Amino acid sequence: MSLQDSIVAALRGVYDPEMPVNIYELGLIYGVDVDERGSARIRMTLTAPNCPVAGTLPAEVERVARAVAGVTDVKIDLTFDPPWSKERMSEAAKLALGIDDLIPIARLRG
């Protein structure tokens, strides 16, 4: 498993306290890049700029990523561009949250 994959696996254990789905499946992680020295750069967002966990979730992501063996440094890039939307969620997250547009109507008619 690559260091990047290990970080992603660790991030799957981080939850927004208001949602029963991890932040990776929610689509809050836009990217994880790791250089040859083990320095990780994580690009992430929140469900909204005024999200109640705006002050704590990025720090939790950094803490979890730093705990992965082989990671030497972590930089969190918090962005709202593009803004988060439910389309960023995995199908598993949509199913867990009961979002009804999991299967687009066009696919049902086909």
N, C-alpha and C. Protein backbone atom coordinates (compact mmCIF):
# COMPACT_ATOMS: atom_id res chain seq x y z
N MET A 1 0.85 -1.17 0.00
CA MET A 1 0.00 0.00 0.00
C MET A 1 0.90 1.24 0.00
N SER A 2 0.61 2.17 -0.87
CA SER A 2 1.40 3.40 -0.94
C SER A 2 1.09 4.29 0.27
N LEU A 3 1.96 5.25 0.51
CA LEU A 3 1.74 6.19 1.61
C LEU A 3 0.46 6.99 1.38
N GLN A 4 0.21 7.35 0.13
CA GLN A 4 -1.02 8.07 -0.20
C GLN A 4 -2.24 7.21 0.15
N ASP A 5 -2.21 5.93 -0.22
CA ASP A 5 -3.32 5.03 0.09
C ASP A 5 -3.49 4.87 1.60
N SER A 6 -2.39 4.84 2.33
CA SER A 6 -2.46 4.73 3.79
C SER A 6 -3.11 5.96 4.42
N ILE A 7 -2.80 7.12 3.87
CA ILE A 7 -3.42 8.36 4.37
C ILE A 7 -4.91 8.34 4.07
N VAL A 8 -5.28 7.96 2.85
CA VAL A 8 -6.70 7.89 2.50
C VAL A 8 -7.42 6.91 3.42
N ALA A 9 -6.81 5.76 3.69
CA ALA A 9 -7.42 4.78 4.59
C ALA A 9 -7.63 5.39 5.98
N ALA A 10 -6.66 6.16 6.45
CA ALA A 10 -6.80 6.80 7.75
C ALA A 10 -7.92 7.85 7.73
N LEU A 11 -8.02 8.59 6.63
CA LEU A 11 -9.05 9.62 6.52
C LEU A 11 -10.45 9.02 6.49
N ARG A 12 -10.56 7.78 6.05
CA ARG A 12 -11.87 7.10 6.05
C ARG A 12 -12.36 6.85 7.48
N GLY A 13 -11.51 7.06 8.45
CA GLY A 13 -11.90 6.92 9.85
C GLY A 13 -12.30 8.24 10.51
N VAL A 14 -12.32 9.32 9.73
CA VAL A 14 -12.69 10.64 10.25
C VAL A 14 -14.11 10.96 9.81
N TYR A 15 -14.93 11.33 10.77
CA TYR A 15 -16.35 11.61 10.48
C TYR A 15 -16.70 13.04 10.84
N ASP A 16 -17.56 13.62 10.03
CA ASP A 16 -18.20 14.87 10.39
C ASP A 16 -19.20 14.46 11.48
N PRO A 17 -19.17 15.08 12.65
CA PRO A 17 -20.04 14.63 13.74
C PRO A 17 -21.53 14.71 13.43
N GLU A 18 -21.89 15.46 12.42
CA GLU A 18 -23.31 15.59 12.07
C GLU A 18 -23.75 14.57 11.02
N MET A 19 -22.81 13.76 10.51
CA MET A 19 -23.14 12.80 9.45
C MET A 19 -22.57 11.43 9.81
N PRO A 20 -23.32 10.38 9.51
CA PRO A 20 -22.82 9.03 9.82
C PRO A 20 -21.96 8.44 8.70
N VAL A 21 -21.29 9.30 7.95
CA VAL A 21 -20.46 8.88 6.82
C VAL A 21 -19.11 9.56 6.96
N ASN A 22 -18.03 8.83 6.62
CA ASN A 22 -16.70 9.43 6.76
C ASN A 22 -16.48 10.56 5.74
N ILE A 23 -15.53 11.42 6.05
CA ILE A 23 -15.32 12.61 5.22
C ILE A 23 -14.81 12.28 3.83
N TYR A 24 -14.15 11.15 3.67
CA TYR A 24 -13.68 10.77 2.33
C TYR A 24 -14.86 10.40 1.44
N GLU A 25 -15.77 9.58 1.97
CA GLU A 25 -16.96 9.19 1.20
C GLU A 25 -17.91 10.36 0.98
N LEU A 26 -17.89 11.33 1.91
CA LEU A 26 -18.70 12.53 1.74
C LEU A 26 -18.18 13.41 0.61
N GLY A 27 -16.95 13.18 0.19
CA GLY A 27 -16.36 14.00 -0.88
C GLY A 27 -15.72 15.27 -0.37
N LEU A 28 -15.40 15.32 0.92
CA LEU A 28 -14.77 16.52 1.47
C LEU A 28 -13.27 16.57 1.19
N ILE A 29 -12.68 15.44 0.83
CA ILE A 29 -11.25 15.40 0.49
C ILE A 29 -11.13 15.52 -1.03
N TYR A 30 -10.55 16.61 -1.48
CA TYR A 30 -10.40 16.86 -2.92
C TYR A 30 -9.12 16.25 -3.47
N GLY A 31 -8.14 16.03 -2.62
CA GLY A 31 -6.90 15.44 -3.10
C GLY A 31 -5.90 15.19 -1.99
N VAL A 32 -5.10 14.14 -2.18
CA VAL A 32 -4.01 13.82 -1.25
C VAL A 32 -2.77 13.59 -2.10
N ASP A 33 -1.77 14.41 -1.91
CA ASP A 33 -0.51 14.27 -2.63
C ASP A 33 0.60 14.07 -1.62
N VAL A 34 1.50 13.16 -1.93
CA VAL A 34 2.62 12.87 -1.04
C VAL A 34 3.90 12.90 -1.86
N ASP A 35 4.90 13.63 -1.38
CA ASP A 35 6.17 13.67 -2.11
C ASP A 35 7.10 12.55 -1.63
N GLU A 36 8.27 12.47 -2.23
CA GLU A 36 9.21 11.39 -1.94
C GLU A 36 9.77 11.44 -0.52
N ARG A 37 9.66 12.57 0.15
CA ARG A 37 10.13 12.69 1.54
C ARG A 37 9.05 12.32 2.56
N GLY A 38 7.85 12.04 2.09
CA GLY A 38 6.75 11.69 3.00
C GLY A 38 5.92 12.88 3.44
N SER A 39 6.12 14.02 2.78
CA SER A 39 5.35 15.21 3.10
C SER A 39 4.02 15.16 2.33
N ALA A 40 2.93 15.29 3.08
CA ALA A 40 1.60 15.17 2.48
C ALA A 40 0.93 16.54 2.38
N ARG A 41 0.24 16.74 1.28
CA ARG A 41 -0.57 17.93 1.08
C ARG A 41 -1.99 17.44 0.83
N ILE A 42 -2.91 17.86 1.69
CA ILE A 42 -4.31 17.41 1.60
C ILE A 42 -5.17 18.62 1.28
N ARG A 43 -5.88 18.52 0.17
CA ARG A 43 -6.81 19.57 -0.24
C ARG A 43 -8.19 19.12 0.16
N MET A 44 -8.87 19.94 0.96
CA MET A 44 -10.17 19.54 1.47
C MET A 44 -11.12 20.73 1.52
N THR A 45 -12.38 20.41 1.77
CA THR A 45 -13.39 21.43 1.93
C THR A 45 -14.29 21.04 3.09
N LEU A 46 -15.29 21.85 3.33
CA LEU A 46 -16.32 21.57 4.31
C LEU A 46 -17.66 21.63 3.58
N THR A 47 -18.70 21.12 4.21
CA THR A 47 -20.01 21.14 3.54
C THR A 47 -20.50 22.56 3.33
N ALA A 48 -20.03 23.49 4.18
CA ALA A 48 -20.38 24.91 4.04
C ALA A 48 -19.33 25.73 4.77
N PRO A 49 -19.08 26.97 4.35
CA PRO A 49 -18.08 27.80 5.02
C PRO A 49 -18.37 28.01 6.51
N ASN A 50 -19.64 28.04 6.87
CA ASN A 50 -20.00 28.26 8.27
C ASN A 50 -20.31 26.94 8.99
N CYS A 51 -19.77 25.86 8.49
CA CYS A 51 -19.95 24.53 9.07
C CYS A 51 -19.53 24.57 10.55
N PRO A 52 -20.30 23.94 11.45
CA PRO A 52 -19.97 23.97 12.87
C PRO A 52 -18.59 23.37 13.21
N VAL A 53 -18.06 22.51 12.36
CA VAL A 53 -16.76 21.89 12.64
C VAL A 53 -15.62 22.56 11.86
N ALA A 54 -15.88 23.74 11.33
CA ALA A 54 -14.86 24.45 10.55
C ALA A 54 -13.58 24.68 11.34
N GLY A 55 -13.69 24.87 12.64
CA GLY A 55 -12.51 25.12 13.46
C GLY A 55 -11.79 23.86 13.91
N THR A 56 -12.45 22.70 13.81
CA THR A 56 -11.86 21.48 14.33
C THR A 56 -11.57 20.40 13.29
N LEU A 57 -12.37 20.32 12.24
CA LEU A 57 -12.21 19.22 11.28
C LEU A 57 -10.87 19.27 10.53
N PRO A 58 -10.43 20.41 10.02
CA PRO A 58 -9.11 20.42 9.36
C PRO A 58 -7.99 19.98 10.30
N ALA A 59 -8.05 20.38 11.55
CA ALA A 59 -7.02 19.96 12.52
C ALA A 59 -7.09 18.46 12.76
N GLU A 60 -8.29 17.90 12.78
CA GLU A 60 -8.43 16.44 12.96
C GLU A 60 -7.87 15.71 11.75
N VAL A 61 -8.11 16.22 10.56
CA VAL A 61 -7.55 15.62 9.34
C VAL A 61 -6.03 15.65 9.41
N GLU A 62 -5.47 16.77 9.81
CA GLU A 62 -4.01 16.87 9.93
C GLU A 62 -3.48 15.88 10.97
N ARG A 63 -4.13 15.80 12.13
CA ARG A 63 -3.69 14.89 13.19
C ARG A 63 -3.69 13.44 12.73
N VAL A 64 -4.76 13.04 12.04
CA VAL A 64 -4.88 11.65 11.57
C VAL A 64 -3.83 11.35 10.51
N ALA A 65 -3.61 12.29 9.59
CA ALA A 65 -2.62 12.08 8.53
C ALA A 65 -1.21 12.00 9.12
N ARG A 66 -0.90 12.84 10.09
CA ARG A 66 0.43 12.83 10.73
C ARG A 66 0.70 11.51 11.45
N ALA A 67 -0.35 10.84 11.89
CA ALA A 67 -0.19 9.58 12.64
C ALA A 67 0.12 8.39 11.73
N VAL A 68 0.02 8.57 10.42
CA VAL A 68 0.30 7.48 9.47
C VAL A 68 1.82 7.28 9.41
N ALA A 69 2.23 6.04 9.58
CA ALA A 69 3.67 5.72 9.53
C ALA A 69 4.26 6.13 8.19
N GLY A 70 5.38 6.87 8.25
CA GLY A 70 6.07 7.31 7.05
C GLY A 70 5.77 8.75 6.67
N VAL A 71 4.72 9.34 7.24
CA VAL A 71 4.40 10.73 6.95
C VAL A 71 5.33 11.62 7.77
N THR A 72 6.00 12.55 7.09
CA THR A 72 6.96 13.43 7.76
C THR A 72 6.40 14.83 8.01
N ASP A 73 5.41 15.22 7.23
CA ASP A 73 4.81 16.55 7.38
C ASP A 73 3.44 16.52 6.72
N VAL A 74 2.56 17.41 7.16
CA VAL A 74 1.21 17.51 6.57
C VAL A 74 0.87 18.97 6.41
N LYS A 75 0.37 19.31 5.25
CA LYS A 75 -0.13 20.66 4.96
C LYS A 75 -1.58 20.50 4.52
N ILE A 76 -2.47 21.22 5.18
CA ILE A 76 -3.89 21.19 4.83
C ILE A 76 -4.22 22.44 4.03
N ASP A 77 -4.80 22.24 2.86
CA ASP A 77 -5.29 23.35 2.04
C ASP A 77 -6.81 23.30 2.12
N LEU A 78 -7.42 24.22 2.86
CA LEU A 78 -8.87 24.29 2.98
C LEU A 78 -9.38 25.20 1.88
N THR A 79 -10.29 24.70 1.07
CA THR A 79 -10.80 25.47 -0.06
C THR A 79 -12.31 25.35 -0.16
N PHE A 80 -12.92 26.31 -0.80
CA PHE A 80 -14.35 26.24 -1.10
C PHE A 80 -14.58 26.40 -2.60
N ASP A 81 -13.52 26.12 -3.35
CA ASP A 81 -13.59 26.21 -4.81
C ASP A 81 -13.03 24.92 -5.40
N PRO A 82 -13.86 24.07 -5.95
CA PRO A 82 -15.30 24.25 -6.11
C PRO A 82 -16.03 23.99 -4.80
N PRO A 83 -17.20 24.59 -4.66
CA PRO A 83 -17.97 24.36 -3.44
C PRO A 83 -18.42 22.90 -3.37
N TRP A 84 -18.52 22.39 -2.15
CA TRP A 84 -18.99 21.02 -1.96
C TRP A 84 -20.45 20.93 -2.35
N SER A 85 -20.82 19.81 -2.93
CA SER A 85 -22.23 19.50 -3.21
C SER A 85 -22.41 18.00 -3.06
N LYS A 86 -23.64 17.56 -2.96
CA LYS A 86 -23.89 16.13 -2.74
C LYS A 86 -23.43 15.28 -3.93
N GLU A 87 -23.19 15.87 -5.06
CA GLU A 87 -22.68 15.13 -6.21
C GLU A 87 -21.26 14.62 -5.97
N ARG A 88 -20.55 15.20 -5.01
CA ARG A 88 -19.18 14.76 -4.69
C ARG A 88 -19.18 13.50 -3.82
N MET A 89 -20.33 13.15 -3.27
CA MET A 89 -20.43 11.99 -2.39
C MET A 89 -20.34 10.69 -3.18
N SER A 90 -19.78 9.67 -2.55
CA SER A 90 -19.75 8.35 -3.18
C SER A 90 -21.16 7.76 -3.17
N GLU A 91 -21.37 6.75 -3.99
CA GLU A 91 -22.68 6.09 -4.00
C GLU A 91 -22.96 5.46 -2.64
N ALA A 92 -21.93 4.93 -1.98
CA ALA A 92 -22.12 4.33 -0.65
C ALA A 92 -22.59 5.38 0.35
N ALA A 93 -22.03 6.60 0.27
CA ALA A 93 -22.44 7.67 1.18
C ALA A 93 -23.88 8.08 0.90
N LYS A 94 -24.24 8.20 -0.37
CA LYS A 94 -25.61 8.56 -0.72
C LYS A 94 -26.59 7.51 -0.21
N LEU A 95 -26.22 6.25 -0.35
CA LEU A 95 -27.08 5.17 0.12
C LEU A 95 -27.22 5.23 1.64
N ALA A 96 -26.12 5.43 2.35
CA ALA A 96 -26.14 5.49 3.81
C ALA A 96 -26.98 6.65 4.33
N LEU A 97 -26.99 7.74 3.58
CA LEU A 97 -27.75 8.92 4.00
C LEU A 97 -29.15 8.96 3.43
N GLY A 98 -29.51 7.96 2.62
CA GLY A 98 -30.86 7.88 2.07
C GLY A 98 -31.15 8.93 1.02
N ILE A 99 -30.12 9.33 0.30
CA ILE A 99 -30.34 10.31 -0.78
C ILE A 99 -30.96 9.57 -1.95
N ASP A 100 -32.11 10.02 -2.38
CA ASP A 100 -32.91 9.28 -3.34
C ASP A 100 -32.49 9.37 -4.79
N ASP A 101 -31.57 10.24 -5.13
CA ASP A 101 -31.18 10.34 -6.54
C ASP A 101 -29.92 9.53 -6.83
N LEU A 102 -29.76 8.42 -6.11
CA LEU A 102 -28.61 7.54 -6.31
C LEU A 102 -28.57 7.01 -7.74
N ILE A 103 -29.74 6.62 -8.25
CA ILE A 103 -29.81 6.12 -9.62
C ILE A 103 -30.60 7.16 -10.42
N PRO A 104 -29.92 7.87 -11.30
CA PRO A 104 -30.61 8.90 -12.08
C PRO A 104 -31.79 8.32 -12.85
N ILE A 105 -32.86 9.07 -12.94
CA ILE A 105 -34.08 8.62 -13.61
C ILE A 105 -33.80 8.19 -15.04
N ALA A 106 -32.89 8.86 -15.73
CA ALA A 106 -32.56 8.49 -17.10
C ALA A 106 -32.08 7.05 -17.17
N ARG A 107 -31.35 6.59 -16.17
CA ARG A 107 -30.86 5.20 -16.16
C ARG A 107 -32.01 4.23 -15.91
N LEU A 108 -32.99 4.65 -15.13
CA LEU A 108 -34.12 3.78 -14.85
C LEU A 108 -35.00 3.58 -16.08
N ARG A 109 -35.11 4.59 -16.91
CA ARG A 109 -35.96 4.52 -18.10
C ARG A 109 -35.31 3.71 -19.21
N GLY A 110 -33.96 3.69 -19.22
CA GLY A 110 -33.20 3.09 -20.30
C GLY A 110 -33.36 1.64 -20.38
